[in-house]
Amino acid sequence: MRTEGIKPNLSEQNKARNMFVKDEIFSQIESGQKTCELRLAYDSFLRIKPGQILEFKAANKKSLRARVVGSRKYKTFESMLEKEDLSKIAPGISKDQAVLDCQRLFDKKYATELGLVVIEFKKI
């Protein structure tokens, strides 16, 4: 099958991927403090690629759009914390507090089995 000259489906590329977040997190994204989102590395999150549009939605019905600029997978919290700028993932909290929050939010069994993905984005 020839693929030469076939253009990518731009409507699929520009279709927004919904990302539900708590109101506090939404405020950090809205203000520009938070530019990376940490999620368990489920297949659906691993398929998110640079250039894709994310639509962050808060419980208070607010929403905003962002464009993915990067996505990185890690096997452990520790490896993620060694490489990532924590202030972009969890602005305003210490590294120790971020580790505790991650342990509370993400079941260690799933985090170990699946790994983690950091999705970097820029508001549009």
PDB file of N, CA and C in Angstrom:
ATOM      1  N   MET A   1       0.848  -1.184   0.000  1.00  0.00           N
ATOM      2  CA  MET A   1       0.000   0.000   0.000  1.00  0.00           C
ATOM      3  C   MET A   1       0.885   1.235   0.000  1.00  0.00           C
ATOM      4  N   ARG A   2       0.618   2.147  -0.888  1.00  0.00           N
ATOM      5  CA  ARG A   2       1.393   3.385  -0.957  1.00  0.00           C
ATOM      6  C   ARG A   2       0.872   4.390   0.056  1.00  0.00           C
ATOM      7  N   THR A   3       1.808   4.984   0.795  1.00  0.00           N
ATOM      8  CA  THR A   3       1.419   6.031   1.747  1.00  0.00           C
ATOM      9  C   THR A   3       1.985   7.373   1.333  1.00  0.00           C
ATOM     10  N   GLU A   4       2.768   7.380   0.267  1.00  0.00           N
ATOM     11  CA  GLU A   4       3.388   8.603  -0.216  1.00  0.00           C
ATOM     12  C   GLU A   4       2.309   9.615  -0.589  1.00  0.00           C
ATOM     13  N   GLY A   5       2.459  10.814  -0.110  1.00  0.00           N
ATOM     14  CA  GLY A   5       1.519  11.871  -0.458  1.00  0.00           C
ATOM     15  C   GLY A   5       0.247  11.892   0.379  1.00  0.00           C
ATOM     16  N   ILE A   6       0.086  10.905   1.274  1.00  0.00           N
ATOM     17  CA  ILE A   6      -1.101  10.889   2.124  1.00  0.00           C
ATOM     18  C   ILE A   6      -0.854  11.817   3.302  1.00  0.00           C
ATOM     19  N   LYS A   7      -1.781  12.729   3.505  1.00  0.00           N
ATOM     20  CA  LYS A   7      -1.638  13.684   4.605  1.00  0.00           C
ATOM     21  C   LYS A   7      -2.214  13.098   5.885  1.00  0.00           C
ATOM     22  N   PRO A   8      -1.604  13.441   7.028  1.00  0.00           N
ATOM     23  CA  PRO A   8      -2.159  12.954   8.295  1.00  0.00           C
ATOM     24  C   PRO A   8      -3.535  13.559   8.531  1.00  0.00           C
ATOM     25  N   ASN A   9      -4.341  12.845   9.283  1.00  0.00           N
ATOM     26  CA  ASN A   9      -5.675  13.306   9.617  1.00  0.00           C
ATOM     27  C   ASN A   9      -5.551  14.423  10.656  1.00  0.00           C
ATOM     28  N   LEU A  10      -5.590  15.661  10.189  1.00  0.00           N
ATOM     29  CA  LEU A  10      -5.379  16.804  11.083  1.00  0.00           C
ATOM     30  C   LEU A  10      -6.500  16.961  12.092  1.00  0.00           C
ATOM     31  N   SER A  11      -7.714  16.528  11.739  1.00  0.00           N
ATOM     32  CA  SER A  11      -8.808  16.665  12.703  1.00  0.00           C
ATOM     33  C   SER A  11      -8.561  15.781  13.921  1.00  0.00           C
ATOM     34  N   GLU A  12      -7.968  14.596  13.711  1.00  0.00           N
ATOM     35  CA  GLU A  12      -7.625  13.724  14.835  1.00  0.00           C
ATOM     36  C   GLU A  12      -6.512  14.336  15.679  1.00  0.00           C
ATOM     37  N   GLN A  13      -5.509  14.916  15.004  1.00  0.00           N
ATOM     38  CA  GLN A  13      -4.378  15.519  15.714  1.00  0.00           C
ATOM     39  C   GLN A  13      -4.846  16.711  16.546  1.00  0.00           C
ATOM     40  N   ASN A  14      -5.825  17.462  16.043  1.00  0.00           N
ATOM     41  CA  ASN A  14      -6.290  18.661  16.733  1.00  0.00           C
ATOM     42  C   ASN A  14      -7.457  18.392  17.674  1.00  0.00           C
ATOM     43  N   LYS A  15      -7.939  17.160  17.706  1.00  0.00           N
ATOM     44  CA  LYS A  15      -9.024  16.814  18.626  1.00  0.00           C
ATOM     45  C   LYS A  15      -8.473  16.836  20.049  1.00  0.00           C
ATOM     46  N   ALA A  16      -9.154  17.525  20.928  1.00  0.00           N
ATOM     47  CA  ALA A  16      -8.664  17.680  22.304  1.00  0.00           C
ATOM     48  C   ALA A  16      -8.853  16.410  23.116  1.00  0.00           C
ATOM     49  N   ARG A  17      -7.871  16.107  23.936  1.00  0.00           N
ATOM     50  CA  ARG A  17      -7.917  14.988  24.881  1.00  0.00           C
ATOM     51  C   ARG A  17      -8.294  15.579  26.231  1.00  0.00           C
ATOM     52  N   ASN A  18      -9.413  15.156  26.792  1.00  0.00           N
ATOM     53  CA  ASN A  18      -9.855  15.672  28.082  1.00  0.00           C
ATOM     54  C   ASN A  18      -8.955  15.173  29.204  1.00  0.00           C
ATOM     55  N   MET A  19      -8.594  16.098  30.091  1.00  0.00           N
ATOM     56  CA  MET A  19      -7.793  15.790  31.273  1.00  0.00           C
ATOM     57  C   MET A  19      -8.521  16.425  32.467  1.00  0.00           C
ATOM     58  N   PHE A  20      -9.073  15.591  33.329  1.00  0.00           N
ATOM     59  CA  PHE A  20      -9.811  16.093  34.482  1.00  0.00           C
ATOM     60  C   PHE A  20      -8.853  16.290  35.656  1.00  0.00           C
ATOM     61  N   VAL A  21      -8.935  17.477  36.261  1.00  0.00           N
ATOM     62  CA  VAL A  21      -8.053  17.827  37.371  1.00  0.00           C
ATOM     63  C   VAL A  21      -8.858  18.508  38.474  1.00  0.00           C
ATOM     64  N   LYS A  22      -8.305  18.484  39.672  1.00  0.00           N
ATOM     65  CA  LYS A  22      -8.927  19.183  40.799  1.00  0.00           C
ATOM     66  C   LYS A  22      -8.846  20.690  40.565  1.00  0.00           C
ATOM     67  N   ASP A  23      -9.755  21.436  41.190  1.00  0.00           N
ATOM     68  CA  ASP A  23      -9.797  22.891  41.027  1.00  0.00           C
ATOM     69  C   ASP A  23      -8.460  23.550  41.365  1.00  0.00           C
ATOM     70  N   GLU A  24      -7.807  23.089  42.424  1.00  0.00           N
ATOM     71  CA  GLU A  24      -6.515  23.661  42.841  1.00  0.00           C
ATOM     72  C   GLU A  24      -5.461  23.462  41.746  1.00  0.00           C
ATOM     73  N   ILE A  25      -5.436  22.285  41.164  1.00  0.00           N
ATOM     74  CA  ILE A  25      -4.485  21.987  40.082  1.00  0.00           C
ATOM     75  C   ILE A  25      -4.817  22.843  38.862  1.00  0.00           C
ATOM     76  N   PHE A  26      -6.097  22.968  38.564  1.00  0.00           N
ATOM     77  CA  PHE A  26      -6.516  23.783  37.424  1.00  0.00           C
ATOM     78  C   PHE A  26      -6.024  25.221  37.586  1.00  0.00           C
ATOM     79  N   SER A  27      -6.143  25.762  38.785  1.00  0.00           N
ATOM     80  CA  SER A  27      -5.685  27.131  39.049  1.00  0.00           C
ATOM     81  C   SER A  27      -4.186  27.277  38.796  1.00  0.00           C
ATOM     82  N   GLN A  28      -3.413  26.258  39.161  1.00  0.00           N
ATOM     83  CA  GLN A  28      -1.964  26.288  38.920  1.00  0.00           C
ATOM     84  C   GLN A  28      -1.657  26.237  37.417  1.00  0.00           C
ATOM     85  N   ILE A  29      -2.438  25.473  36.680  1.00  0.00           N
ATOM     86  CA  ILE A  29      -2.262  25.406  35.225  1.00  0.00           C
ATOM     87  C   ILE A  29      -2.664  26.737  34.604  1.00  0.00           C
ATOM     88  N   GLU A  30      -3.796  27.255  35.028  1.00  0.00           N
ATOM     89  CA  GLU A  30      -4.322  28.518  34.503  1.00  0.00           C
ATOM     90  C   GLU A  30      -3.340  29.670  34.724  1.00  0.00           C
ATOM     91  N   SER A  31      -2.679  29.686  35.887  1.00  0.00           N
ATOM     92  CA  SER A  31      -1.734  30.766  36.214  1.00  0.00           C
ATOM     93  C   SER A  31      -0.384  30.588  35.516  1.00  0.00           C
ATOM     94  N   GLY A  32      -0.151  29.397  34.943  1.00  0.00           N
ATOM     95  CA  GLY A  32       1.114  29.131  34.276  1.00  0.00           C
ATOM     96  C   GLY A  32       2.179  28.539  35.185  1.00  0.00           C
ATOM     97  N   GLN A  33       1.851  28.325  36.466  1.00  0.00           N
ATOM     98  CA  GLN A  33       2.817  27.741  37.403  1.00  0.00           C
ATOM     99  C   GLN A  33       3.088  26.271  37.084  1.00  0.00           C
ATOM    100  N   LYS A  34       2.049  25.553  36.732  1.00  0.00           N
ATOM    101  CA  LYS A  34       2.151  24.110  36.462  1.00  0.00           C
ATOM    102  C   LYS A  34       2.142  23.893  34.957  1.00  0.00           C
ATOM    103  N   THR A  35       3.215  23.277  34.451  1.00  0.00           N
ATOM    104  CA  THR A  35       3.323  23.026  33.007  1.00  0.00           C
ATOM    105  C   THR A  35       3.598  21.558  32.688  1.00  0.00           C
ATOM    106  N   CYS A  36       3.526  20.701  33.702  1.00  0.00           N
ATOM    107  CA  CYS A  36       3.684  19.263  33.505  1.00  0.00           C
ATOM    108  C   CYS A  36       2.645  18.533  34.343  1.00  0.00           C
ATOM    109  N   GLU A  37       2.087  17.484  33.763  1.00  0.00           N
ATOM    110  CA  GLU A  37       1.097  16.662  34.464  1.00  0.00           C
ATOM    111  C   GLU A  37       1.662  15.264  34.629  1.00  0.00           C
ATOM    112  N   LEU A  38       1.541  14.710  35.833  1.00  0.00           N
ATOM    113  CA  LEU A  38       2.028  13.374  36.147  1.00  0.00           C
ATOM    114  C   LEU A  38       0.846  12.419  36.210  1.00  0.00           C
ATOM    115  N   ARG A  39       0.948  11.324  35.474  1.00  0.00           N
ATOM    116  CA  ARG A  39      -0.110  10.309  35.471  1.00  0.00           C
ATOM    117  C   ARG A  39       0.522   8.922  35.477  1.00  0.00           C
ATOM    118  N   LEU A  40      -0.267   7.923  35.898  1.00  0.00           N
ATOM    119  CA  LEU A  40       0.172   6.542  35.728  1.00  0.00           C
ATOM    120  C   LEU A  40       0.278   6.276  34.238  1.00  0.00           C
ATOM    121  N   ALA A  41       1.218   5.446  33.847  1.00  0.00           N
ATOM    122  CA  ALA A  41       1.505   5.232  32.426  1.00  0.00           C
ATOM    123  C   ALA A  41       0.562   4.207  31.787  1.00  0.00           C
ATOM    124  N   TYR A  42      -0.731   4.484  31.874  1.00  0.00           N
ATOM    125  CA  TYR A  42      -1.712   3.681  31.138  1.00  0.00           C
ATOM    126  C   TYR A  42      -1.525   3.952  29.653  1.00  0.00           C
ATOM    127  N   ASP A  43      -1.901   2.988  28.824  1.00  0.00           N
ATOM    128  CA  ASP A  43      -1.748   3.139  27.372  1.00  0.00           C
ATOM    129  C   ASP A  43      -2.341   4.443  26.856  1.00  0.00           C
ATOM    130  N   SER A  44      -3.502   4.819  27.381  1.00  0.00           N
ATOM    131  CA  SER A  44      -4.162   6.033  26.890  1.00  0.00           C
ATOM    132  C   SER A  44      -3.306   7.283  27.109  1.00  0.00           C
ATOM    133  N   PHE A  45      -2.544   7.320  28.195  1.00  0.00           N
ATOM    134  CA  PHE A  45      -1.669   8.466  28.447  1.00  0.00           C
ATOM    135  C   PHE A  45      -0.366   8.354  27.657  1.00  0.00           C
ATOM    136  N   LEU A  46       0.081   7.128  27.409  1.00  0.00           N
ATOM    137  CA  LEU A  46       1.298   6.934  26.621  1.00  0.00           C
ATOM    138  C   LEU A  46       1.090   7.314  25.156  1.00  0.00           C
ATOM    139  N   ARG A  47      -0.147   7.299  24.693  1.00  0.00           N
ATOM    140  CA  ARG A  47      -0.444   7.668  23.303  1.00  0.00           C
ATOM    141  C   ARG A  47      -0.460   9.182  23.086  1.00  0.00           C
ATOM    142  N   ILE A  48      -0.413   9.949  24.160  1.00  0.00           N
ATOM    143  CA  ILE A  48      -0.386  11.409  24.036  1.00  0.00           C
ATOM    144  C   ILE A  48       0.981  11.821  23.490  1.00  0.00           C
ATOM    145  N   LYS A  49       0.967  12.591  22.415  1.00  0.00           N
ATOM    146  CA  LYS A  49       2.195  12.957  21.709  1.00  0.00           C
ATOM    147  C   LYS A  49       2.334  14.471  21.579  1.00  0.00           C
ATOM    148  N   PRO A  50       3.570  14.941  21.368  1.00  0.00           N
ATOM    149  CA  PRO A  50       3.775  16.383  21.140  1.00  0.00           C
ATOM    150  C   PRO A  50       2.906  16.883  19.991  1.00  0.00           C
ATOM    151  N   GLY A  51       2.355  18.071  20.201  1.00  0.00           N
ATOM    152  CA  GLY A  51       1.471  18.683  19.219  1.00  0.00           C
ATOM    153  C   GLY A  51       0.003  18.443  19.513  1.00  0.00           C
ATOM    154  N   GLN A  52      -0.299  17.414  20.290  1.00  0.00           N
ATOM    155  CA  GLN A  52      -1.688  17.100  20.620  1.00  0.00           C
ATOM    156  C   GLN A  52      -2.266  18.163  21.550  1.00  0.00           C
ATOM    157  N   ILE A  53      -3.560  18.388  21.430  1.00  0.00           N
ATOM    158  CA  ILE A  53      -4.271  19.353  22.273  1.00  0.00           C
ATOM    159  C   ILE A  53      -4.855  18.637  23.489  1.00  0.00           C
ATOM    160  N   LEU A  54      -4.626  19.214  24.657  1.00  0.00           N
ATOM    161  CA  LEU A  54      -5.243  18.742  25.901  1.00  0.00           C
ATOM    162  C   LEU A  54      -6.281  19.766  26.328  1.00  0.00           C
ATOM    163  N   GLU A  55      -7.391  19.304  26.842  1.00  0.00           N
ATOM    164  CA  GLU A  55      -8.372  20.210  27.441  1.00  0.00           C
ATOM    165  C   GLU A  55      -8.488  19.845  28.911  1.00  0.00           C
ATOM    166  N   PHE A  56      -7.936  20.725  29.751  1.00  0.00           N
ATOM    167  CA  PHE A  56      -8.005  20.526  31.190  1.00  0.00           C
ATOM    168  C   PHE A  56      -9.360  20.996  31.678  1.00  0.00           C
ATOM    169  N   LYS A  57     -10.019  20.133  32.459  1.00  0.00           N
ATOM    170  CA  LYS A  57     -11.355  20.443  32.979  1.00  0.00           C
ATOM    171  C   LYS A  57     -11.343  20.292  34.491  1.00  0.00           C
ATOM    172  N   ALA A  58     -11.910  21.294  35.143  1.00  0.00           N
ATOM    173  CA  ALA A  58     -11.976  21.300  36.606  1.00  0.00           C
ATOM    174  C   ALA A  58     -13.410  21.001  37.054  1.00  0.00           C
ATOM    175  N   ALA A  59     -13.540  20.604  38.308  1.00  0.00           N
ATOM    176  CA  ALA A  59     -14.853  20.308  38.877  1.00  0.00           C
ATOM    177  C   ALA A  59     -15.766  21.538  38.861  1.00  0.00           C
ATOM    178  N   ASN A  60     -15.155  22.732  38.901  1.00  0.00           N
ATOM    179  CA  ASN A  60     -15.946  23.966  38.916  1.00  0.00           C
ATOM    180  C   ASN A  60     -16.404  24.372  37.509  1.00  0.00           C
ATOM    181  N   LYS A  61     -16.256  23.455  36.547  1.00  0.00           N
ATOM    182  CA  LYS A  61     -16.705  23.626  35.156  1.00  0.00           C
ATOM    183  C   LYS A  61     -15.793  24.512  34.313  1.00  0.00           C
ATOM    184  N   LYS A  62     -14.707  25.002  34.868  1.00  0.00           N
ATOM    185  CA  LYS A  62     -13.758  25.778  34.071  1.00  0.00           C
ATOM    186  C   LYS A  62     -12.962  24.817  33.201  1.00  0.00           C
ATOM    187  N   SER A  63     -12.505  25.329  32.062  1.00  0.00           N
ATOM    188  CA  SER A  63     -11.644  24.508  31.215  1.00  0.00           C
ATOM    189  C   SER A  63     -10.678  25.416  30.460  1.00  0.00           C
ATOM    190  N   LEU A  64      -9.575  24.818  30.023  1.00  0.00           N
ATOM    191  CA  LEU A  64      -8.614  25.536  29.177  1.00  0.00           C
ATOM    192  C   LEU A  64      -7.886  24.523  28.331  1.00  0.00           C
ATOM    193  N   ARG A  65      -7.316  25.020  27.241  1.00  0.00           N
ATOM    194  CA  ARG A  65      -6.602  24.144  26.320  1.00  0.00           C
ATOM    195  C   ARG A  65      -5.097  24.386  26.389  1.00  0.00           C
ATOM    196  N   ALA A  66      -4.374  23.313  26.118  1.00  0.00           N
ATOM    197  CA  ALA A  66      -2.911  23.364  26.101  1.00  0.00           C
ATOM    198  C   ALA A  66      -2.418  22.430  24.998  1.00  0.00           C
ATOM    199  N   ARG A  67      -1.235  22.732  24.501  1.00  0.00           N
ATOM    200  CA  ARG A  67      -0.606  21.880  23.486  1.00  0.00           C
ATOM    201  C   ARG A  67       0.537  21.102  24.132  1.00  0.00           C
ATOM    202  N   VAL A  68       0.592  19.805  23.878  1.00  0.00           N
ATOM    203  CA  VAL A  68       1.654  18.952  24.417  1.00  0.00           C
ATOM    204  C   VAL A  68       2.969  19.313  23.735  1.00  0.00           C
ATOM    205  N   VAL A  69       4.005  19.537  24.550  1.00  0.00           N
ATOM    206  CA  VAL A  69       5.335  19.815  24.001  1.00  0.00           C
ATOM    207  C   VAL A  69       6.299  18.655  24.266  1.00  0.00           C
ATOM    208  N   GLY A  70       5.920  17.733  25.147  1.00  0.00           N
ATOM    209  CA  GLY A  70       6.757  16.582  25.415  1.00  0.00           C
ATOM    210  C   GLY A  70       6.067  15.587  26.321  1.00  0.00           C
ATOM    211  N   SER A  71       6.546  14.353  26.271  1.00  0.00           N
ATOM    212  CA  SER A  71       5.999  13.286  27.100  1.00  0.00           C
ATOM    213  C   SER A  71       7.140  12.329  27.426  1.00  0.00           C
ATOM    214  N   ARG A  72       7.301  12.017  28.726  1.00  0.00           N
ATOM    215  CA  ARG A  72       8.409  11.177  29.154  1.00  0.00           C
ATOM    216  C   ARG A  72       7.908  10.103  30.120  1.00  0.00           C
ATOM    217  N   LYS A  73       8.350   8.866  29.893  1.00  0.00           N
ATOM    218  CA  LYS A  73       7.945   7.747  30.745  1.00  0.00           C
ATOM    219  C   LYS A  73       9.067   7.391  31.711  1.00  0.00           C
ATOM    220  N   TYR A  74       8.670   7.057  32.949  1.00  0.00           N
ATOM    221  CA  TYR A  74       9.613   6.655  33.994  1.00  0.00           C
ATOM    222  C   TYR A  74       9.123   5.375  34.652  1.00  0.00           C
ATOM    223  N   LYS A  75      10.072   4.559  35.100  1.00  0.00           N
ATOM    224  CA  LYS A  75       9.730   3.302  35.766  1.00  0.00           C
ATOM    225  C   LYS A  75       9.383   3.505  37.233  1.00  0.00           C
ATOM    226  N   THR A  76       9.989   4.539  37.863  1.00  0.00           N
ATOM    227  CA  THR A  76       9.783   4.756  39.298  1.00  0.00           C
ATOM    228  C   THR A  76       9.620   6.253  39.602  1.00  0.00           C
ATOM    229  N   PHE A  77       9.068   6.525  40.776  1.00  0.00           N
ATOM    230  CA  PHE A  77       8.987   7.912  41.249  1.00  0.00           C
ATOM    231  C   PHE A  77      10.385   8.494  41.371  1.00  0.00           C
ATOM    232  N   GLU A  78      11.296   7.688  41.899  1.00  0.00           N
ATOM    233  CA  GLU A  78      12.648   8.154  42.137  1.00  0.00           C
ATOM    234  C   GLU A  78      13.328   8.593  40.834  1.00  0.00           C
ATOM    235  N   SER A  79      13.186   7.788  39.790  1.00  0.00           N
ATOM    236  CA  SER A  79      13.814   8.147  38.513  1.00  0.00           C
ATOM    237  C   SER A  79      13.167   9.397  37.922  1.00  0.00           C
ATOM    238  N   MET A  80      11.873   9.540  38.105  1.00  0.00           N
ATOM    239  CA  MET A  80      11.180  10.735  37.631  1.00  0.00           C
ATOM    240  C   MET A  80      11.674  11.967  38.386  1.00  0.00           C
ATOM    241  N   LEU A  81      11.803  11.842  39.704  1.00  0.00           N
ATOM    242  CA  LEU A  81      12.227  12.978  40.522  1.00  0.00           C
ATOM    243  C   LEU A  81      13.669  13.396  40.230  1.00  0.00           C
ATOM    244  N   GLU A  82      14.504  12.452  39.818  1.00  0.00           N
ATOM    245  CA  GLU A  82      15.892  12.768  39.466  1.00  0.00           C
ATOM    246  C   GLU A  82      15.981  13.615  38.199  1.00  0.00           C
ATOM    247  N   LYS A  83      15.058  13.418  37.267  1.00  0.00           N
ATOM    248  CA  LYS A  83      15.157  14.055  35.948  1.00  0.00           C
ATOM    249  C   LYS A  83      14.260  15.273  35.765  1.00  0.00           C
ATOM    250  N   GLU A  84      13.133  15.300  36.432  1.00  0.00           N
ATOM    251  CA  GLU A  84      12.140  16.351  36.188  1.00  0.00           C
ATOM    252  C   GLU A  84      12.296  17.532  37.146  1.00  0.00           C
ATOM    253  N   ASP A  85      11.901  18.702  36.668  1.00  0.00           N
ATOM    254  CA  ASP A  85      11.839  19.905  37.498  1.00  0.00           C
ATOM    255  C   ASP A  85      10.517  19.846  38.260  1.00  0.00           C
ATOM    256  N   LEU A  86      10.609  19.523  39.517  1.00  0.00           N
ATOM    257  CA  LEU A  86       9.425  19.307  40.344  1.00  0.00           C
ATOM    258  C   LEU A  86       8.504  20.522  40.395  1.00  0.00           C
ATOM    259  N   SER A  87       9.067  21.716  40.282  1.00  0.00           N
ATOM    260  CA  SER A  87       8.244  22.929  40.361  1.00  0.00           C
ATOM    261  C   SER A  87       7.275  23.037  39.183  1.00  0.00           C
ATOM    262  N   LYS A  88       7.538  22.312  38.095  1.00  0.00           N
ATOM    263  CA  LYS A  88       6.626  22.315  36.946  1.00  0.00           C
ATOM    264  C   LYS A  88       5.492  21.301  37.114  1.00  0.00           C
ATOM    265  N   ILE A  89       5.722  20.303  37.974  1.00  0.00           N
ATOM    266  CA  ILE A  89       4.721  19.262  38.218  1.00  0.00           C
ATOM    267  C   ILE A  89       3.878  19.599  39.440  1.00  0.00           C
ATOM    268  N   ALA A  90       4.537  20.046  40.490  1.00  0.00           N
ATOM    269  CA  ALA A  90       3.866  20.337  41.760  1.00  0.00           C
ATOM    270  C   ALA A  90       4.396  21.658  42.306  1.00  0.00           C
ATOM    271  N   PRO A  91       3.963  22.766  41.718  1.00  0.00           N
ATOM    272  CA  PRO A  91       4.485  24.067  42.150  1.00  0.00           C
ATOM    273  C   PRO A  91       4.161  24.375  43.610  1.00  0.00           C
ATOM    274  N   GLY A  92       5.155  24.956  44.280  1.00  0.00           N
ATOM    275  CA  GLY A  92       4.920  25.450  45.628  1.00  0.00           C
ATOM    276  C   GLY A  92       5.058  24.427  46.735  1.00  0.00           C
ATOM    277  N   ILE A  93       5.477  23.198  46.421  1.00  0.00           N
ATOM    278  CA  ILE A  93       5.669  22.236  47.505  1.00  0.00           C
ATOM    279  C   ILE A  93       7.087  21.662  47.443  1.00  0.00           C
ATOM    280  N   SER A  94       7.553  21.190  48.573  1.00  0.00           N
ATOM    281  CA  SER A  94       8.910  20.639  48.659  1.00  0.00           C
ATOM    282  C   SER A  94       8.966  19.272  47.992  1.00  0.00           C
ATOM    283  N   LYS A  95      10.173  18.834  47.692  1.00  0.00           N
ATOM    284  CA  LYS A  95      10.372  17.513  47.092  1.00  0.00           C
ATOM    285  C   LYS A  95       9.840  16.422  48.027  1.00  0.00           C
ATOM    286  N   ASP A  96      10.132  16.555  49.328  1.00  0.00           N
ATOM    287  CA  ASP A  96       9.664  15.558  50.299  1.00  0.00           C
ATOM    288  C   ASP A  96       8.140  15.475  50.319  1.00  0.00           C
ATOM    289  N   GLN A  97       7.491  16.644  50.289  1.00  0.00           N
ATOM    290  CA  GLN A  97       6.027  16.661  50.292  1.00  0.00           C
ATOM    291  C   GLN A  97       5.488  16.077  48.985  1.00  0.00           C
ATOM    292  N   ALA A  98       6.151  16.364  47.873  1.00  0.00           N
ATOM    293  CA  ALA A  98       5.721  15.828  46.573  1.00  0.00           C
ATOM    294  C   ALA A  98       5.791  14.302  46.562  1.00  0.00           C
ATOM    295  N   VAL A  99       6.847  13.754  47.142  1.00  0.00           N
ATOM    296  CA  VAL A  99       6.984  12.296  47.228  1.00  0.00           C
ATOM    297  C   VAL A  99       5.835  11.721  48.051  1.00  0.00           C
ATOM    298  N   LEU A 100       5.545  12.333  49.183  1.00  0.00           N
ATOM    299  CA  LEU A 100       4.428  11.864  50.020  1.00  0.00           C
ATOM    300  C   LEU A 100       3.108  11.959  49.283  1.00  0.00           C
ATOM    301  N   ASP A 101       2.887  13.063  48.576  1.00  0.00           N
ATOM    302  CA  ASP A 101       1.647  13.243  47.809  1.00  0.00           C
ATOM    303  C   ASP A 101       1.524  12.185  46.714  1.00  0.00           C
ATOM    304  N   CYS A 102       2.631  11.912  46.017  1.00  0.00           N
ATOM    305  CA  CYS A 102       2.624  10.887  44.960  1.00  0.00           C
ATOM    306  C   CYS A 102       2.305   9.515  45.534  1.00  0.00           C
ATOM    307  N   GLN A 103       2.901   9.205  46.670  1.00  0.00           N
ATOM    308  CA  GLN A 103       2.642   7.917  47.307  1.00  0.00           C
ATOM    309  C   GLN A 103       1.189   7.794  47.746  1.00  0.00           C
ATOM    310  N   ARG A 104       0.608   8.919  48.144  1.00  0.00           N
ATOM    311  CA  ARG A 104      -0.786   8.923  48.567  1.00  0.00           C
ATOM    312  C   ARG A 104      -1.729   8.827  47.363  1.00  0.00           C
ATOM    313  N   LEU A 105      -1.385   9.521  46.281  1.00  0.00           N
ATOM    314  CA  LEU A 105      -2.253   9.578  45.104  1.00  0.00           C
ATOM    315  C   LEU A 105      -2.158   8.349  44.209  1.00  0.00           C
ATOM    316  N   PHE A 106      -0.956   7.793  44.076  1.00  0.00           N
ATOM    317  CA  PHE A 106      -0.736   6.687  43.149  1.00  0.00           C
ATOM    318  C   PHE A 106      -0.436   5.416  43.924  1.00  0.00           C
ATOM    319  N   ASP A 107      -1.242   4.409  43.724  1.00  0.00           N
ATOM    320  CA  ASP A 107      -1.025   3.114  44.346  1.00  0.00           C
ATOM    321  C   ASP A 107       0.343   2.586  43.915  1.00  0.00           C
ATOM    322  N   LYS A 108       1.187   2.251  44.890  1.00  0.00           N
ATOM    323  CA  LYS A 108       2.563   1.814  44.590  1.00  0.00           C
ATOM    324  C   LYS A 108       2.587   0.605  43.662  1.00  0.00           C
ATOM    325  N   LYS A 109       1.646  -0.308  43.840  1.00  0.00           N
ATOM    326  CA  LYS A 109       1.587  -1.500  42.989  1.00  0.00           C
ATOM    327  C   LYS A 109       1.417  -1.099  41.525  1.00  0.00           C
ATOM    328  N   TYR A 110       0.456  -0.198  41.255  1.00  0.00           N
ATOM    329  CA  TYR A 110       0.217   0.239  39.875  1.00  0.00           C
ATOM    330  C   TYR A 110       1.371   1.086  39.351  1.00  0.00           C
ATOM    331  N   ALA A 111       1.906   1.932  40.192  1.00  0.00           N
ATOM    332  CA  ALA A 111       3.032   2.770  39.763  1.00  0.00           C
ATOM    333  C   ALA A 111       4.225   1.904  39.397  1.00  0.00           C
ATOM    334  N   THR A 112       4.451   0.833  40.140  1.00  0.00           N
ATOM    335  CA  THR A 112       5.566  -0.071  39.854  1.00  0.00           C
ATOM    336  C   THR A 112       5.303  -0.881  38.588  1.00  0.00           C
ATOM    337  N   GLU A 113       4.073  -1.370  38.433  1.00  0.00           N
ATOM    338  CA  GLU A 113       3.732  -2.188  37.257  1.00  0.00           C
ATOM    339  C   GLU A 113       3.678  -1.361  35.977  1.00  0.00           C
ATOM    340  N   LEU A 114       3.060  -0.213  36.056  1.00  0.00           N
ATOM    341  CA  LEU A 114       2.823   0.594  34.854  1.00  0.00           C
ATOM    342  C   LEU A 114       3.921   1.611  34.578  1.00  0.00           C
ATOM    343  N   GLY A 115       4.479   2.151  35.639  1.00  0.00           N
ATOM    344  CA  GLY A 115       5.388   3.281  35.506  1.00  0.00           C
ATOM    345  C   GLY A 115       4.594   4.578  35.527  1.00  0.00           C
ATOM    346  N   LEU A 116       5.275   5.660  35.247  1.00  0.00           N
ATOM    347  CA  LEU A 116       4.664   6.991  35.282  1.00  0.00           C
ATOM    348  C   LEU A 116       4.956   7.707  33.982  1.00  0.00           C
ATOM    349  N   VAL A 117       4.090   8.631  33.630  1.00  0.00           N
ATOM    350  CA  VAL A 117       4.345   9.460  32.459  1.00  0.00           C
ATOM    351  C   VAL A 117       4.186  10.917  32.862  1.00  0.00           C
ATOM    352  N   VAL A 118       5.140  11.732  32.442  1.00  0.00           N
ATOM    353  CA  VAL A 118       5.087  13.184  32.641  1.00  0.00           C
ATOM    354  C   VAL A 118       4.734  13.799  31.289  1.00  0.00           C
ATOM    355  N   ILE A 119       3.647  14.541  31.264  1.00  0.00           N
ATOM    356  CA  ILE A 119       3.190  15.191  30.039  1.00  0.00           C
ATOM    357  C   ILE A 119       3.440  16.682  30.189  1.00  0.00           C
ATOM    358  N   GLU A 120       4.335  17.206  29.363  1.00  0.00           N
ATOM    359  CA  GLU A 120       4.661  18.633  29.413  1.00  0.00           C
ATOM    360  C   GLU A 120       3.789  19.360  28.388  1.00  0.00           C
ATOM    361  N   PHE A 121       3.287  20.535  28.779  1.00  0.00           N
ATOM    362  CA  PHE A 121       2.349  21.244  27.915  1.00  0.00           C
ATOM    363  C   PHE A 121       2.551  22.748  28.003  1.00  0.00           C
ATOM    364  N   LYS A 122       1.951  23.448  27.055  1.00  0.00           N
ATOM    365  CA  LYS A 122       1.963  24.918  27.043  1.00  0.00           C
ATOM    366  C   LYS A 122       0.540  25.383  26.754  1.00  0.00           C
ATOM    367  N   LYS A 123       0.047  26.307  27.567  1.00  0.00           N
ATOM    368  CA  LYS A 123      -1.314  26.828  27.359  1.00  0.00           C
ATOM    369  C   LYS A 123      -1.424  27.477  25.980  1.00  0.00           C
ATOM    370  N   ILE A 124      -2.605  27.329  25.381  1.00  0.00           N
ATOM    371  CA  ILE A 124      -2.864  27.995  24.103  1.00  0.00           C
ATOM    372  C   ILE A 124      -4.128  28.818  24.192  1.00  0.00           C
TER     373      ILE A 124
END
